[in-house]
Amino acid sequence: MVGGEVIVDLRPGQQGWREFMRTIVRTVRTHVHSRCGTLFREPVALMVRRFDPERRDRIIDAAIDCIAEEGVAGTSHRKVALRADVPLGSMTYHFASMDELLIEAFTRFTATIAAAFEQRMDDLPDPDAALDAIVDLIHVDLQRSNREQVLTYELYTLAARHARFRVITDQWMRASRAALGRHFPPDTARILDAYVEGAAMHIALDTDPQDRALTRAALDSLTSVIAAQPRSK
């Protein structure tokens, strides 16, 4: 005590120093508890990554839906993520770019259409029955869904603008020719495939589309003319 005042020795290691530090700790602890409430009393929930093995597939399906409704130009990472119910970060985790996602989406779409084409051309007894099946394909299968038509035209436009997407259309055409090739020679299958695409598009967009009889007559003429051509060696 000096002059009636208590002098506390705050040098490290001294009793006064230890009491001083305890006071600071108690003060800080009281202040934090009063400010943060249950922060230090309630257990903290840990963020756990959800196991979602189908997330990539959902993103691709959502991209197809988005393209069908809003077109390629209206499709974005954010819109697809919202449709797929996935975090936005999942988009770039699974797909390096929008082009990569579009390639996956259109590849899946064309594979589905090609499988239906193959099924239509399966187990037919002869070329005449195959021509009847092609008429059904043009007038029924390819006219059934406006959604599929829109997706097809979106792919055609994209492939016309950007050569890298022509790999998809090339694979699609090869699959169609292979299905037709079960019943017709390669040259005939190639021409028939082109006619199927063009006729189906005209019927879909024409306000006065051709009837089934005209389509069958055109197919008969095509196959007859091609059959009469000399084979190149």
Protein backbone atom coordinates (compact mmCIF):
# COMPACT_ATOMS: atom_id res chain seq x y z
CA MET A 1 0.00 0.00 0.00
CA VAL A 2 1.39 3.38 -0.94
CA GLY A 3 -0.27 6.58 0.28
CA GLY A 4 -3.49 4.74 1.16
CA GLU A 5 -3.80 3.11 -2.29
CA VAL A 6 -3.43 -0.57 -3.05
CA ILE A 7 -0.70 -1.23 -5.55
CA VAL A 8 -1.20 -4.43 -7.62
CA ASP A 9 1.91 -6.01 -9.02
CA LEU A 10 1.02 -6.76 -12.68
CA ARG A 11 4.36 -8.19 -13.58
CA PRO A 12 3.97 -11.64 -15.22
CA GLY A 13 4.22 -14.42 -12.67
CA GLN A 14 3.09 -12.29 -9.74
CA GLN A 15 -0.17 -12.85 -7.84
CA GLY A 16 -1.60 -9.54 -9.01
CA TRP A 17 -1.01 -10.48 -12.63
CA ARG A 18 -2.83 -13.79 -12.26
CA GLU A 19 -5.86 -12.18 -10.62
CA PHE A 20 -5.94 -9.51 -13.31
CA MET A 21 -6.00 -12.12 -16.11
CA ARG A 22 -8.71 -14.16 -14.37
CA THR A 23 -10.87 -11.04 -14.17
CA ILE A 24 -10.43 -10.36 -17.89
CA VAL A 25 -11.32 -13.95 -18.80
CA ARG A 26 -14.46 -13.89 -16.63
CA THR A 27 -15.53 -10.58 -18.12
CA VAL A 28 -15.04 -11.73 -21.71
CA ARG A 29 -16.81 -15.05 -21.07
CA THR A 30 -19.81 -13.30 -19.51
CA HIS A 31 -20.00 -10.86 -22.40
CA VAL A 32 -19.82 -13.58 -25.06
CA HIS A 33 -22.49 -15.71 -23.39
CA SER A 34 -24.82 -12.75 -23.07
CA ARG A 35 -24.34 -11.84 -26.73
CA CYS A 36 -24.39 -15.30 -28.31
CA GLY A 37 -26.97 -16.99 -26.11
CA THR A 38 -27.19 -20.65 -27.00
CA LEU A 39 -24.18 -20.64 -29.28
CA PHE A 40 -22.00 -22.30 -26.64
CA ARG A 41 -24.73 -24.35 -25.02
CA GLU A 42 -26.49 -25.98 -28.01
CA PRO A 43 -24.81 -28.69 -30.11
CA VAL A 44 -23.69 -27.47 -33.49
CA ALA A 45 -25.21 -29.27 -36.51
CA LEU A 46 -22.51 -30.46 -38.87
CA MET A 47 -22.91 -29.88 -42.60
CA VAL A 48 -22.88 -33.29 -44.27
CA ARG A 49 -22.66 -33.71 -48.04
CA ARG A 50 -25.78 -35.51 -49.25
CA PHE A 51 -25.11 -38.77 -51.06
CA ASP A 52 -26.83 -38.25 -54.39
CA PRO A 53 -25.55 -40.67 -57.05
CA GLU A 54 -28.35 -39.73 -59.48
CA ARG A 55 -27.61 -36.01 -59.40
CA ARG A 56 -25.75 -35.97 -62.72
CA ASP A 57 -28.58 -37.81 -64.47
CA ARG A 58 -31.15 -35.41 -63.02
CA ILE A 59 -29.16 -32.46 -64.31
CA ILE A 60 -29.11 -33.93 -67.83
CA ASP A 61 -32.86 -34.63 -67.76
CA ALA A 62 -33.52 -31.14 -66.42
CA ALA A 63 -31.42 -29.66 -69.22
CA ILE A 64 -33.51 -31.53 -71.81
CA ASP A 65 -36.71 -30.20 -70.23
CA CYS A 66 -35.32 -26.68 -70.14
CA ILE A 67 -34.28 -26.80 -73.81
CA ALA A 68 -37.71 -28.13 -74.79
CA GLU A 69 -39.49 -25.28 -73.01
CA GLU A 70 -37.09 -22.36 -73.41
CA GLY A 71 -34.74 -23.33 -76.23
CA VAL A 72 -30.97 -23.57 -76.13
CA ALA A 73 -30.72 -19.77 -75.96
CA GLY A 74 -32.92 -19.70 -72.85
CA THR A 75 -31.10 -22.49 -71.03
CA SER A 76 -28.66 -21.55 -68.26
CA HIS A 77 -26.83 -23.23 -65.40
CA ARG A 78 -29.11 -21.53 -62.89
CA LYS A 79 -32.35 -22.61 -64.61
CA VAL A 80 -31.19 -26.20 -64.99
CA ALA A 81 -30.02 -26.37 -61.36
CA LEU A 82 -33.42 -25.10 -60.22
CA ARG A 83 -35.26 -27.73 -62.28
CA ALA A 84 -32.95 -30.51 -61.09
CA ASP A 85 -33.18 -29.35 -57.46
CA VAL A 86 -29.41 -29.27 -57.06
CA PRO A 87 -27.00 -26.59 -55.81
CA LEU A 88 -25.74 -24.26 -58.50
CA GLY A 89 -22.19 -25.42 -57.78
CA SER A 90 -23.14 -28.95 -58.88
CA MET A 91 -23.42 -27.74 -62.45
CA THR A 92 -19.75 -26.91 -62.86
CA TYR A 93 -18.76 -29.88 -60.70
CA HIS A 94 -20.35 -32.35 -63.14
CA PHE A 95 -19.99 -30.37 -66.39
CA ALA A 96 -17.01 -28.22 -67.29
CA SER A 97 -19.09 -25.97 -69.55
CA MET A 98 -22.59 -25.41 -70.90
CA ASP A 99 -21.50 -26.99 -74.19
CA GLU A 100 -20.58 -30.18 -72.35
CA LEU A 101 -24.01 -30.27 -70.73
CA LEU A 102 -25.74 -29.63 -74.07
CA ILE A 103 -23.78 -32.45 -75.70
CA GLU A 104 -24.80 -34.85 -72.93
CA ALA A 105 -28.44 -33.72 -73.10
CA PHE A 106 -28.79 -34.03 -76.87
CA THR A 107 -26.89 -37.33 -76.91
CA ARG A 108 -29.40 -38.76 -74.44
CA PHE A 109 -32.35 -37.35 -76.38
CA THR A 110 -31.21 -38.72 -79.75
CA ALA A 111 -30.41 -42.12 -78.23
CA THR A 112 -34.01 -42.34 -77.03
CA ILE A 113 -35.40 -41.47 -80.47
CA ALA A 114 -32.99 -43.85 -82.20
CA ALA A 115 -34.07 -46.69 -79.90
CA ALA A 116 -37.73 -46.09 -80.78
CA PHE A 117 -36.81 -46.04 -84.50
CA GLU A 118 -34.95 -49.32 -84.11
CA GLN A 119 -37.89 -50.89 -82.32
CA ARG A 120 -40.25 -49.76 -85.09
CA MET A 121 -38.04 -51.42 -87.73
CA ASP A 122 -37.49 -54.61 -85.74
CA ASP A 123 -38.92 -58.04 -86.63
CA LEU A 124 -40.44 -57.08 -89.98
CA PRO A 125 -40.88 -59.92 -92.48
CA ASP A 126 -39.90 -58.12 -95.70
CA PRO A 127 -39.09 -54.73 -97.30
CA ASP A 128 -42.76 -54.11 -98.08
CA ALA A 129 -43.63 -54.36 -94.40
CA ALA A 130 -40.65 -52.13 -93.67
CA LEU A 131 -42.06 -49.45 -95.99
CA ASP A 132 -45.38 -49.62 -94.13
CA ALA A 133 -43.47 -49.18 -90.88
CA ILE A 134 -41.71 -46.13 -92.30
CA VAL A 135 -45.08 -44.58 -93.16
CA ASP A 136 -46.17 -45.11 -89.54
CA LEU A 137 -42.89 -43.64 -88.37
CA ILE A 138 -43.37 -40.48 -90.44
CA HIS A 139 -47.08 -39.95 -89.77
CA VAL A 140 -47.39 -41.28 -86.21
CA ASP A 141 -44.16 -41.65 -84.26
CA LEU A 142 -42.53 -38.42 -85.38
CA GLN A 143 -45.75 -36.40 -85.05
CA ARG A 144 -46.73 -37.64 -81.60
CA SER A 145 -44.78 -35.15 -79.52
CA ASN A 146 -44.33 -31.45 -80.15
CA ARG A 147 -41.68 -31.56 -77.43
CA GLU A 148 -39.59 -34.02 -79.42
CA GLN A 149 -39.99 -31.94 -82.57
CA VAL A 150 -38.78 -28.82 -80.77
CA LEU A 151 -35.78 -30.66 -79.34
CA THR A 152 -34.95 -32.02 -82.79
CA TYR A 153 -35.06 -28.58 -84.41
CA GLU A 154 -33.03 -27.08 -81.57
CA LEU A 155 -30.35 -29.71 -82.18
CA TYR A 156 -30.38 -29.10 -85.94
CA THR A 157 -29.94 -25.37 -85.39
CA LEU A 158 -27.14 -25.91 -82.90
CA ALA A 159 -25.35 -28.35 -85.20
CA ALA A 160 -25.74 -25.96 -88.13
CA ARG A 161 -24.08 -23.20 -86.10
CA HIS A 162 -21.39 -25.23 -84.34
CA ALA A 163 -19.59 -28.15 -85.97
CA ARG A 164 -18.80 -29.84 -82.65
CA PHE A 165 -22.48 -30.75 -82.26
CA ARG A 166 -22.55 -32.52 -85.62
CA VAL A 167 -21.00 -35.54 -83.95
CA ILE A 168 -24.39 -36.07 -82.31
CA THR A 169 -26.38 -35.70 -85.53
CA ASP A 170 -23.91 -37.96 -87.34
CA GLN A 171 -24.31 -40.69 -84.71
CA TRP A 172 -28.08 -40.30 -84.91
CA MET A 173 -28.12 -40.67 -88.70
CA ARG A 174 -25.85 -43.70 -88.53
CA ALA A 175 -28.19 -45.36 -86.03
CA SER A 176 -31.20 -44.67 -88.27
CA ARG A 177 -29.42 -46.05 -91.34
CA ALA A 178 -28.43 -49.15 -89.42
CA ALA A 179 -32.07 -49.77 -88.48
CA LEU A 180 -33.17 -49.27 -92.10
CA GLY A 181 -30.24 -51.37 -93.27
CA ARG A 182 -31.88 -54.46 -91.83
CA HIS A 183 -34.29 -54.36 -94.76
CA PHE A 184 -32.61 -52.29 -97.49
CA PRO A 185 -29.17 -51.93 -99.12
CA PRO A 186 -26.92 -49.18 -97.67
CA ASP A 187 -27.59 -46.63 -100.45
CA THR A 188 -31.33 -47.15 -100.17
CA ALA A 189 -31.18 -46.86 -96.38
CA ARG A 190 -29.32 -43.55 -96.67
CA ILE A 191 -31.88 -42.03 -99.06
CA LEU A 192 -34.83 -43.33 -97.04
CA ASP A 193 -33.37 -41.84 -93.87
CA ALA A 194 -33.11 -38.44 -95.56
CA TYR A 195 -36.68 -38.72 -96.81
CA VAL A 196 -37.98 -39.65 -93.36
CA GLU A 197 -36.39 -36.55 -91.83
CA GLY A 198 -37.64 -34.19 -94.53
CA ALA A 199 -41.15 -35.63 -94.83
CA ALA A 200 -41.68 -35.69 -91.07
CA MET A 201 -40.64 -32.04 -90.82
CA HIS A 202 -42.92 -30.98 -93.68
CA ILE A 203 -45.89 -32.83 -92.21
CA ALA A 204 -45.28 -31.21 -88.82
CA LEU A 205 -45.05 -27.68 -90.21
CA ASP A 206 -47.34 -27.76 -93.25
CA THR A 207 -50.88 -26.44 -92.74
CA ASP A 208 -52.05 -28.94 -95.37
CA PRO A 209 -49.75 -31.95 -94.87
CA GLN A 210 -49.53 -34.84 -97.30
CA ASP A 211 -51.51 -37.98 -96.53
CA ARG A 212 -50.25 -41.49 -95.88
CA ALA A 213 -51.00 -42.70 -99.40
CA LEU A 214 -48.75 -40.05 -100.93
CA THR A 215 -45.98 -40.90 -98.49
CA ARG A 216 -46.19 -44.59 -99.36
CA ALA A 217 -46.19 -43.79 -103.09
CA ALA A 218 -43.08 -41.63 -102.63
CA LEU A 219 -41.33 -44.44 -100.76
CA ASP A 220 -42.21 -46.94 -103.48
CA SER A 221 -40.82 -44.59 -106.13
CA LEU A 222 -37.62 -43.96 -104.19
CA THR A 223 -36.86 -47.61 -103.60
CA SER A 224 -37.66 -48.52 -107.23
CA VAL A 225 -35.43 -45.80 -108.66
CA ILE A 226 -32.54 -46.62 -106.34
CA ALA A 227 -32.85 -50.34 -107.08
CA ALA A 228 -32.64 -49.61 -110.81
CA GLN A 229 -29.39 -47.66 -110.45
CA PRO A 230 -26.16 -49.50 -111.34
CA ARG A 231 -24.02 -50.33 -108.33
CA SER A 232 -20.70 -48.54 -108.11
CA LYS A 233 -17.73 -50.87 -107.69
